[in-house]
């Protein structure tokens, strides 16, 4: 089974964007629920998924293939939760934050993602969380960069690359943890 899953992952990373958009739904359905196993056998899986997310035209991908983008986003968040689970330092940092719900919303595409932190765990997915503590909004490119660590949370906010609505104090507490998290996810 692991060899088959590894083959699927390698195919996914080597496909041109158009082919990926067509084949991703079936690939994701085969990988779903196996991310933990995959990370054990392909340790750079999550960093490679993040890199792939940064390489594609996310705005076009989100606009032209929203269901496929949702599937890929779910797969990425499954991987992120495994990365956190394996890092005692990140788990501790998340525990100190308590419970935080965040929304990330693009202003130029259908991208809407929520992230929840609770009990030292992180989860995320497509769609907006009700009663989010913080909402980040900006272009698809900048929201993706914020979530993947290509934009520093504080300097990105200060330079207007994205807007943040909600409790600024929570945002300031969250920024260093987001920076650590994105470094761990990037590998």
C-alpha atoms as a PDB file:
ATOM      1  CA  UNK A   1       0.000   0.000   0.000  1.00  0.00           C
ATOM      2  CA  UNK A   2       2.778   2.439   0.895  1.00  0.00           C
ATOM      3  CA  UNK A   3       4.486   1.960  -2.465  1.00  0.00           C
ATOM      4  CA  UNK A   4       1.200   2.734  -4.253  1.00  0.00           C
ATOM      5  CA  UNK A   5       0.630   5.845  -2.126  1.00  0.00           C
ATOM      6  CA  UNK A   6       4.192   7.019  -2.724  1.00  0.00           C
ATOM      7  CA  UNK A   7       3.671   6.595  -6.471  1.00  0.00           C
ATOM      8  CA  UNK A   8       0.505   8.702  -6.310  1.00  0.00           C
ATOM      9  CA  UNK A   9       2.370  11.450  -4.456  1.00  0.00           C
ATOM     10  CA  UNK A  10       5.241  11.469  -6.935  1.00  0.00           C
ATOM     11  CA  UNK A  11       2.760  11.701  -9.830  1.00  0.00           C
ATOM     12  CA  UNK A  12       0.948  14.558  -8.147  1.00  0.00           C
ATOM     13  CA  UNK A  13       4.139  16.587  -7.746  1.00  0.00           C
ATOM     14  CA  UNK A  14       5.331  16.043 -11.290  1.00  0.00           C
ATOM     15  CA  UNK A  15       2.082  16.797 -13.160  1.00  0.00           C
ATOM     16  CA  UNK A  16       1.564  20.028 -15.069  1.00  0.00           C
ATOM     17  CA  UNK A  17      -1.059  22.249 -13.449  1.00  0.00           C
ATOM     18  CA  UNK A  18      -3.809  21.466 -15.990  1.00  0.00           C
ATOM     19  CA  UNK A  19      -3.378  17.703 -15.590  1.00  0.00           C
ATOM     20  CA  UNK A  20      -3.241  18.072 -11.818  1.00  0.00           C
ATOM     21  CA  UNK A  21      -6.583  19.904 -11.843  1.00  0.00           C
ATOM     22  CA  UNK A  22      -8.164  16.997 -13.736  1.00  0.00           C
ATOM     23  CA  UNK A  23      -6.633  14.140 -11.740  1.00  0.00           C
ATOM     24  CA  UNK A  24      -6.448  15.627  -8.260  1.00  0.00           C
ATOM     25  CA  UNK A  25      -9.917  14.564  -7.061  1.00  0.00           C
ATOM     26  CA  UNK A  26      -9.174  10.867  -7.569  1.00  0.00           C
ATOM     27  CA  UNK A  27      -5.618  11.220  -6.239  1.00  0.00           C
ATOM     28  CA  UNK A  28      -6.772  13.012  -3.084  1.00  0.00           C
ATOM     29  CA  UNK A  29      -9.461  10.416  -2.405  1.00  0.00           C
ATOM     30  CA  UNK A  30      -6.792   7.701  -2.505  1.00  0.00           C
ATOM     31  CA  UNK A  31      -4.465   9.656  -0.192  1.00  0.00           C
ATOM     32  CA  UNK A  32      -7.099  10.862   2.290  1.00  0.00           C
ATOM     33  CA  UNK A  33      -6.663   9.202   5.656  1.00  0.00           C
ATOM     34  CA  UNK A  34      -3.170   7.993   4.780  1.00  0.00           C
ATOM     35  CA  UNK A  35      -1.229  11.211   5.308  1.00  0.00           C
ATOM     36  CA  UNK A  36       0.302  10.067   8.604  1.00  0.00           C
ATOM     37  CA  UNK A  37       1.537   6.862   6.961  1.00  0.00           C
ATOM     38  CA  UNK A  38       2.792   8.823   3.977  1.00  0.00           C
ATOM     39  CA  UNK A  39       4.736  11.271   6.132  1.00  0.00           C
ATOM     40  CA  UNK A  40       6.506   8.346   7.782  1.00  0.00           C
ATOM     41  CA  UNK A  41       7.585   7.093   4.355  1.00  0.00           C
ATOM     42  CA  UNK A  42       7.891  10.428   2.544  1.00  0.00           C
ATOM     43  CA  UNK A  43       9.145  12.807   5.272  1.00  0.00           C
ATOM     44  CA  UNK A  44       9.170  15.812   2.951  1.00  0.00           C
ATOM     45  CA  UNK A  45       5.547  15.309   1.890  1.00  0.00           C
ATOM     46  CA  UNK A  46       4.077  18.397   3.575  1.00  0.00           C
ATOM     47  CA  UNK A  47       6.880  20.769   2.499  1.00  0.00           C
ATOM     48  CA  UNK A  48       6.487  19.497  -1.053  1.00  0.00           C
ATOM     49  CA  UNK A  49       2.700  20.029  -0.917  1.00  0.00           C
ATOM     50  CA  UNK A  50       3.249  23.573   0.337  1.00  0.00           C
ATOM     51  CA  UNK A  51       5.827  24.224  -2.390  1.00  0.00           C
ATOM     52  CA  UNK A  52       3.416  22.886  -5.024  1.00  0.00           C
ATOM     53  CA  UNK A  53       0.693  25.158  -3.659  1.00  0.00           C
ATOM     54  CA  UNK A  54       3.032  28.131  -4.065  1.00  0.00           C
ATOM     55  CA  UNK A  55       4.054  27.099  -7.606  1.00  0.00           C
ATOM     56  CA  UNK A  56       0.591  26.918  -9.103  1.00  0.00           C
ATOM     57  CA  UNK A  57      -1.555  29.859 -10.121  1.00  0.00           C
ATOM     58  CA  UNK A  58      -3.666  29.637  -6.974  1.00  0.00           C
ATOM     59  CA  UNK A  59      -6.139  32.324  -7.993  1.00  0.00           C
ATOM     60  CA  UNK A  60      -6.888  30.551 -11.278  1.00  0.00           C
ATOM     61  CA  UNK A  61      -6.917  27.148  -9.608  1.00  0.00           C
ATOM     62  CA  UNK A  62      -9.341  28.336  -6.904  1.00  0.00           C
ATOM     63  CA  UNK A  63     -11.584  30.042  -9.462  1.00  0.00           C
ATOM     64  CA  UNK A  64     -11.622  27.377 -12.186  1.00  0.00           C
ATOM     65  CA  UNK A  65     -11.515  24.237 -10.049  1.00  0.00           C
ATOM     66  CA  UNK A  66     -12.896  25.122  -6.603  1.00  0.00           C
ATOM     67  CA  UNK A  67     -13.829  21.545  -5.677  1.00  0.00           C
ATOM     68  CA  UNK A  68     -10.382  20.266  -6.607  1.00  0.00           C
ATOM     69  CA  UNK A  69      -8.801  23.132  -4.662  1.00  0.00           C
ATOM     70  CA  UNK A  70     -10.949  22.201  -1.640  1.00  0.00           C
ATOM     71  CA  UNK A  71      -9.745  18.603  -1.819  1.00  0.00           C
ATOM     72  CA  UNK A  72      -6.110  19.667  -2.023  1.00  0.00           C
ATOM     73  CA  UNK A  73      -6.580  22.137   0.844  1.00  0.00           C
ATOM     74  CA  UNK A  74      -8.047  19.373   3.022  1.00  0.00           C
ATOM     75  CA  UNK A  75      -5.070  17.153   2.244  1.00  0.00           C
ATOM     76  CA  UNK A  76      -2.627  19.922   3.144  1.00  0.00           C
ATOM     77  CA  UNK A  77      -4.371  20.527   6.492  1.00  0.00           C
ATOM     78  CA  UNK A  78      -4.322  16.835   7.283  1.00  0.00           C
ATOM     79  CA  UNK A  79      -0.554  16.992   6.757  1.00  0.00           C
ATOM     80  CA  UNK A  80      -0.146  20.130   8.860  1.00  0.00           C
ATOM     81  CA  UNK A  81      -1.963  18.502  11.788  1.00  0.00           C
ATOM     82  CA  UNK A  82       0.423  15.520  11.592  1.00  0.00           C
ATOM     83  CA  UNK A  83       3.443  17.866  11.574  1.00  0.00           C
ATOM     84  CA  UNK A  84       2.132  19.569  14.730  1.00  0.00           C
ATOM     85  CA  UNK A  85       1.353  16.230  16.364  1.00  0.00           C
ATOM     86  CA  UNK A  86       4.997  15.214  15.903  1.00  0.00           C
ATOM     87  CA  UNK A  87       6.470  18.410  17.373  1.00  0.00           C
ATOM     88  CA  UNK A  88       6.314  18.735  21.174  1.00  0.00           C
ATOM     89  CA  UNK A  89       7.481  22.364  20.912  1.00  0.00           C
ATOM     90  CA  UNK A  90       4.708  23.337  18.470  1.00  0.00           C
ATOM     91  CA  UNK A  91       2.108  21.456  20.517  1.00  0.00           C
ATOM     92  CA  UNK A  92       3.230  23.346  23.621  1.00  0.00           C
ATOM     93  CA  UNK A  93       3.063  26.684  21.810  1.00  0.00           C
ATOM     94  CA  UNK A  94      -0.437  25.884  20.542  1.00  0.00           C
ATOM     95  CA  UNK A  95      -1.556  24.819  24.022  1.00  0.00           C
ATOM     96  CA  UNK A  96      -0.411  28.181  25.391  1.00  0.00           C
ATOM     97  CA  UNK A  97      -2.582  29.958  22.812  1.00  0.00           C
ATOM     98  CA  UNK A  98      -5.701  28.208  24.085  1.00  0.00           C
ATOM     99  CA  UNK A  99      -8.585  28.047  21.641  1.00  0.00           C
ATOM    100  CA  UNK A 100      -8.366  30.269  18.583  1.00  0.00           C
ATOM    101  CA  UNK A 101     -10.431  30.184  15.403  1.00  0.00           C
ATOM    102  CA  UNK A 102      -9.222  31.994  12.291  1.00  0.00           C
ATOM    103  CA  UNK A 103     -10.590  32.598   8.840  1.00  0.00           C
ATOM    104  CA  UNK A 104      -8.541  33.284   5.729  1.00  0.00           C
ATOM    105  CA  UNK A 105     -10.530  34.820   2.882  1.00  0.00           C
ATOM    106  CA  UNK A 106      -9.336  35.842  -0.555  1.00  0.00           C
ATOM    107  CA  UNK A 107     -10.766  39.003  -2.051  1.00  0.00           C
ATOM    108  CA  UNK A 108     -10.184  37.902  -5.651  1.00  0.00           C
ATOM    109  CA  UNK A 109     -11.141  34.200  -5.690  1.00  0.00           C
ATOM    110  CA  UNK A 110     -13.418  31.743  -3.858  1.00  0.00           C
ATOM    111  CA  UNK A 111     -10.628  30.813  -1.415  1.00  0.00           C
ATOM    112  CA  UNK A 112     -12.055  30.568   2.100  1.00  0.00           C
ATOM    113  CA  UNK A 113     -10.195  28.555   4.723  1.00  0.00           C
ATOM    114  CA  UNK A 114     -10.629  28.206   8.457  1.00  0.00           C
ATOM    115  CA  UNK A 115      -8.060  27.158  11.043  1.00  0.00           C
ATOM    116  CA  UNK A 116      -8.816  26.093  14.585  1.00  0.00           C
ATOM    117  CA  UNK A 117      -6.334  25.713  17.404  1.00  0.00           C
ATOM    118  CA  UNK A 118      -7.436  23.888  20.514  1.00  0.00           C
ATOM    119  CA  UNK A 119      -5.749  21.678  23.126  1.00  0.00           C
ATOM    120  CA  UNK A 120      -2.386  21.874  21.372  1.00  0.00           C
ATOM    121  CA  UNK A 121      -3.825  20.659  18.090  1.00  0.00           C
ATOM    122  CA  UNK A 122      -4.497  22.403  14.832  1.00  0.00           C
ATOM    123  CA  UNK A 123      -7.098  21.646  12.221  1.00  0.00           C
ATOM    124  CA  UNK A 124      -8.176  23.444   9.135  1.00  0.00           C
ATOM    125  CA  UNK A 125     -10.329  23.145   6.117  1.00  0.00           C
ATOM    126  CA  UNK A 126     -12.359  24.815   3.464  1.00  0.00           C
ATOM    127  CA  UNK A 127     -15.054  27.289   4.405  1.00  0.00           C
ATOM    128  CA  UNK A 128     -15.254  29.906   7.095  1.00  0.00           C
ATOM    129  CA  UNK A 129     -15.589  29.166  10.803  1.00  0.00           C
ATOM    130  CA  UNK A 130     -18.445  30.777  12.673  1.00  0.00           C
ATOM    131  CA  UNK A 131     -17.369  33.208  15.373  1.00  0.00           C
ATOM    132  CA  UNK A 132     -13.729  33.382  14.303  1.00  0.00           C
ATOM    133  CA  UNK A 133     -11.419  35.292  16.610  1.00  0.00           C
ATOM    134  CA  UNK A 134      -9.483  36.629  13.623  1.00  0.00           C
ATOM    135  CA  UNK A 135     -10.206  37.030   9.927  1.00  0.00           C
ATOM    136  CA  UNK A 136      -7.425  37.612   7.439  1.00  0.00           C
ATOM    137  CA  UNK A 137      -8.355  38.905   3.993  1.00  0.00           C
ATOM    138  CA  UNK A 138      -6.325  39.787   0.934  1.00  0.00           C
ATOM    139  CA  UNK A 139      -5.497  38.607  -2.542  1.00  0.00           C
ATOM    140  CA  UNK A 140      -5.336  34.868  -3.111  1.00  0.00           C
ATOM    141  CA  UNK A 141      -1.590  35.137  -3.621  1.00  0.00           C
ATOM    142  CA  UNK A 142      -1.042  36.990  -0.337  1.00  0.00           C
ATOM    143  CA  UNK A 143      -3.359  34.735   1.675  1.00  0.00           C
ATOM    144  CA  UNK A 144      -1.534  31.649   0.369  1.00  0.00           C
ATOM    145  CA  UNK A 145       1.803  33.299   1.173  1.00  0.00           C
ATOM    146  CA  UNK A 146       0.600  34.181   4.675  1.00  0.00           C
ATOM    147  CA  UNK A 147      -0.573  30.613   5.331  1.00  0.00           C
ATOM    148  CA  UNK A 148       2.619  29.075   3.936  1.00  0.00           C
ATOM    149  CA  UNK A 149       5.053  31.451   5.599  1.00  0.00           C
ATOM    150  CA  UNK A 150       6.247  33.370   2.549  1.00  0.00           C
ATOM    151  CA  UNK A 151       4.848  36.521   4.147  1.00  0.00           C
ATOM    152  CA  UNK A 152       5.779  37.313   7.723  1.00  0.00           C
ATOM    153  CA  UNK A 153       2.514  37.758   9.668  1.00  0.00           C
ATOM    154  CA  UNK A 154       3.491  41.056  11.307  1.00  0.00           C
ATOM    155  CA  UNK A 155       5.302  42.768   8.434  1.00  0.00           C
ATOM    156  CA  UNK A 156       2.634  41.547   5.966  1.00  0.00           C
ATOM    157  CA  UNK A 157      -0.071  43.169   8.078  1.00  0.00           C
ATOM    158  CA  UNK A 158       1.913  46.370   8.616  1.00  0.00           C
ATOM    159  CA  UNK A 159       2.662  46.710   4.889  1.00  0.00           C
ATOM    160  CA  UNK A 160      -0.992  46.148   3.917  1.00  0.00           C
ATOM    161  CA  UNK A 161      -0.485  42.832   2.113  1.00  0.00           C
ATOM    162  CA  UNK A 162      -3.532  41.580   3.980  1.00  0.00           C
ATOM    163  CA  UNK A 163      -6.092  42.916   6.436  1.00  0.00           C
ATOM    164  CA  UNK A 164      -6.884  41.456   9.812  1.00  0.00           C
ATOM    165  CA  UNK A 165     -10.175  41.854  11.601  1.00  0.00           C
ATOM    166  CA  UNK A 166     -10.598  40.757  15.179  1.00  0.00           C
ATOM    167  CA  UNK A 167      -8.664  40.967  18.399  1.00  0.00           C
ATOM    168  CA  UNK A 168      -5.247  42.505  17.656  1.00  0.00           C
ATOM    169  CA  UNK A 169      -3.822  41.129  20.938  1.00  0.00           C
ATOM    170  CA  UNK A 170      -4.704  37.582  19.853  1.00  0.00           C
ATOM    171  CA  UNK A 171      -3.116  38.298  16.478  1.00  0.00           C
ATOM    172  CA  UNK A 172       0.113  39.449  18.114  1.00  0.00           C
ATOM    173  CA  UNK A 173       0.218  36.329  20.327  1.00  0.00           C
ATOM    174  CA  UNK A 174      -0.469  34.168  17.295  1.00  0.00           C
ATOM    175  CA  UNK A 175       2.173  35.692  14.970  1.00  0.00           C
ATOM    176  CA  UNK A 176       5.277  34.003  16.448  1.00  0.00           C
ATOM    177  CA  UNK A 177       3.484  30.659  16.635  1.00  0.00           C
ATOM    178  CA  UNK A 178       2.391  30.989  12.998  1.00  0.00           C
ATOM    179  CA  UNK A 179       5.990  31.732  12.062  1.00  0.00           C
ATOM    180  CA  UNK A 180       7.227  28.589  13.861  1.00  0.00           C
ATOM    181  CA  UNK A 181       4.424  26.530  12.360  1.00  0.00           C
ATOM    182  CA  UNK A 182       5.103  27.627   8.805  1.00  0.00           C
ATOM    183  CA  UNK A 183       8.845  26.958   9.254  1.00  0.00           C
ATOM    184  CA  UNK A 184       8.055  23.433  10.455  1.00  0.00           C
ATOM    185  CA  UNK A 185       5.625  22.887   7.585  1.00  0.00           C
ATOM    186  CA  UNK A 186       8.116  24.188   5.018  1.00  0.00           C
ATOM    187  CA  UNK A 187      10.728  21.722   6.246  1.00  0.00           C
END
